[in-house]
Amino acid sequence: MTTRDRLFLAVLLVDSMVLAVLELLYLPLRFDGWLLPDLNGFPLPVSALVAALTLPLLVHLSGRLSTRTSVAAAPLLVWLLCIGVFGLMGPGGDLVLTEDWRALLLLAGGALPAAYMLGGSRG
C-alpha cells in the first residue's frame, strides 16, 4: 500500500468512528412534537438506515485499497468497537445504547450489509 492509500484508509477509519458516535446519539430520536411532528413518541430509528447505507460503502472503499481481508474489514471492526465502547460506556457512565429493538436494528442494519459487502469483495 502506498502512503496515499494508508492516508485514505485512516480517513475511512475516522469516518467510521464518527458515524458510529453520531448514529448512537441519534438512536433515541422520537416523534415527540419538539423536534419532529407529534406522533405520541413513536421512535424513528433513522440511524440504523444511515448505518445500513454508509458502512457497506466504507467497507467497499477500503476493500479496493488492498487484497488483504483485514484492510477491507477495518471500517466494520472500528464501527463495532466504537458502538460497543461508546454505547455501553458512555460519558459519565451513561448507557447511550438503548435497551430495546432499536439497538438491535442499529447493529443488524450496520453490520449485516457491511459483512455482506465484505464477503462480496473477498469472493
Protein backbone atom coordinates (compact mmCIF):
# COMPACT_ATOMS: atom_id res chain seq x y z
CA MET A 1 0.00 0.00 0.00
CA THR A 2 1.23 3.44 -0.85
CA THR A 3 1.27 6.37 1.54
CA ARG A 4 -1.77 7.83 -0.18
CA ASP A 5 -3.68 4.57 0.34
CA ARG A 6 -2.73 4.48 4.02
CA LEU A 7 -3.90 8.05 4.46
CA PHE A 8 -7.18 7.25 2.70
CA LEU A 9 -7.65 4.20 4.94
CA ALA A 10 -7.05 6.37 8.01
CA VAL A 11 -9.72 8.79 6.78
CA LEU A 12 -12.13 5.88 6.27
CA LEU A 13 -11.48 4.63 9.80
CA VAL A 14 -12.03 8.06 11.33
CA ASP A 15 -15.21 8.38 9.26
CA SER A 16 -16.37 5.01 10.58
CA MET A 17 -15.75 6.14 14.16
CA VAL A 18 -17.56 9.46 13.70
CA LEU A 19 -20.53 7.72 12.06
CA ALA A 20 -20.76 5.25 14.95
CA VAL A 21 -20.87 8.03 17.52
CA LEU A 22 -23.44 10.07 15.59
CA GLU A 23 -25.62 7.01 14.98
CA LEU A 24 -25.58 6.29 18.70
CA LEU A 25 -26.53 9.84 19.58
CA TYR A 26 -29.47 9.90 17.15
CA LEU A 27 -30.70 6.40 18.03
CA PRO A 28 -33.26 7.58 20.64
CA LEU A 29 -34.86 10.07 18.20
CA ARG A 30 -38.67 10.08 18.51
CA PHE A 31 -41.69 11.79 17.03
CA ASP A 32 -42.33 13.79 20.19
CA GLY A 33 -43.61 17.11 18.87
CA TRP A 34 -40.50 19.04 19.85
CA LEU A 35 -38.05 18.39 17.03
CA LEU A 36 -40.25 16.17 14.87
CA PRO A 37 -44.05 16.13 14.47
CA ASP A 38 -46.04 14.67 17.36
CA LEU A 39 -46.92 11.00 16.85
CA ASN A 40 -47.20 10.06 20.54
CA GLY A 41 -43.48 9.45 20.94
CA PHE A 42 -43.16 6.86 18.16
CA PRO A 43 -39.44 6.02 17.70
CA LEU A 44 -37.67 6.93 14.47
CA PRO A 45 -34.52 4.78 14.12
CA VAL A 46 -33.05 6.77 11.23
CA SER A 47 -29.53 5.99 12.45
CA ALA A 48 -29.99 2.31 11.54
CA LEU A 49 -30.78 3.36 7.98
CA VAL A 50 -27.73 5.62 7.90
CA ALA A 51 -25.57 2.73 9.14
CA ALA A 52 -27.03 0.37 6.54
CA LEU A 53 -26.16 2.81 3.76
CA THR A 54 -22.77 4.16 4.82
CA LEU A 55 -20.93 1.23 6.40
CA PRO A 56 -21.05 -1.04 3.32
CA LEU A 57 -19.71 1.87 1.29
CA LEU A 58 -16.79 2.28 3.70
CA VAL A 59 -16.05 -1.45 3.54
CA HIS A 60 -16.18 -1.39 -0.24
CA LEU A 61 -13.82 1.57 -0.46
CA SER A 62 -11.34 0.04 1.96
CA GLY A 63 -11.53 -3.28 0.11
CA ARG A 64 -10.37 -1.55 -3.07
CA LEU A 65 -7.16 -0.42 -1.34
CA SER A 66 -5.68 -3.85 -0.67
CA THR A 67 -6.25 -7.54 -1.27
CA ARG A 68 -5.93 -8.27 2.46
CA THR A 69 -9.19 -9.03 4.25
CA SER A 70 -8.05 -7.20 7.38
CA VAL A 71 -7.82 -3.94 5.45
CA ALA A 72 -11.28 -4.40 3.95
CA ALA A 73 -12.81 -5.32 7.32
CA ALA A 74 -11.16 -2.46 9.24
CA PRO A 75 -14.07 0.05 8.97
CA LEU A 76 -16.55 -2.60 10.14
CA LEU A 77 -14.35 -3.58 13.08
CA VAL A 78 -13.77 0.05 14.09
CA TRP A 79 -17.51 0.74 13.86
CA LEU A 80 -18.35 -2.29 16.04
CA LEU A 81 -15.69 -1.33 18.58
CA CYS A 82 -16.97 2.26 18.76
CA ILE A 83 -20.58 1.12 19.11
CA GLY A 84 -19.54 -1.16 21.96
CA VAL A 85 -17.30 1.30 23.77
CA PHE A 86 -19.34 4.47 23.35
CA GLY A 87 -22.69 2.70 23.58
CA LEU A 88 -22.05 0.75 26.76
CA MET A 89 -19.57 3.06 28.48
CA GLY A 90 -20.82 6.50 27.55
CA PRO A 91 -19.77 9.81 29.04
CA GLY A 92 -20.14 9.83 32.81
CA GLY A 93 -21.08 6.15 32.85
CA ASP A 94 -24.32 6.74 30.94
CA LEU A 95 -25.75 3.97 28.80
CA VAL A 96 -26.10 5.53 25.33
CA LEU A 97 -27.12 2.32 23.55
CA THR A 98 -30.84 1.96 24.20
CA GLU A 99 -32.08 -1.32 25.63
CA ASP A 100 -34.77 -2.10 23.09
CA TRP A 101 -35.28 -3.15 19.48
CA ARG A 102 -33.61 -0.02 18.09
CA ALA A 103 -30.19 -1.14 19.36
CA LEU A 104 -30.57 -4.50 17.61
CA LEU A 105 -31.75 -2.74 14.48
CA LEU A 106 -28.70 -0.47 14.54
CA LEU A 107 -26.30 -3.40 14.99
CA ALA A 108 -28.00 -5.52 12.35
CA GLY A 109 -28.51 -2.62 9.97
CA GLY A 110 -24.85 -1.68 10.12
CA ALA A 111 -23.06 -5.00 10.49
CA LEU A 112 -25.03 -7.29 8.18
CA PRO A 113 -24.86 -5.22 4.96
CA ALA A 114 -21.21 -4.43 5.66
CA ALA A 115 -20.40 -8.10 6.22
CA TYR A 116 -22.24 -8.96 3.00
CA MET A 117 -20.18 -6.34 1.16
CA LEU A 118 -17.02 -7.71 2.77
CA GLY A 119 -17.84 -11.23 1.62
CA GLY A 120 -18.66 -9.99 -1.87
CA SER A 121 -15.42 -8.08 -2.18
CA ARG A 122 -13.36 -11.01 -0.96
CA GLY A 123 -15.16 -13.63 -3.04
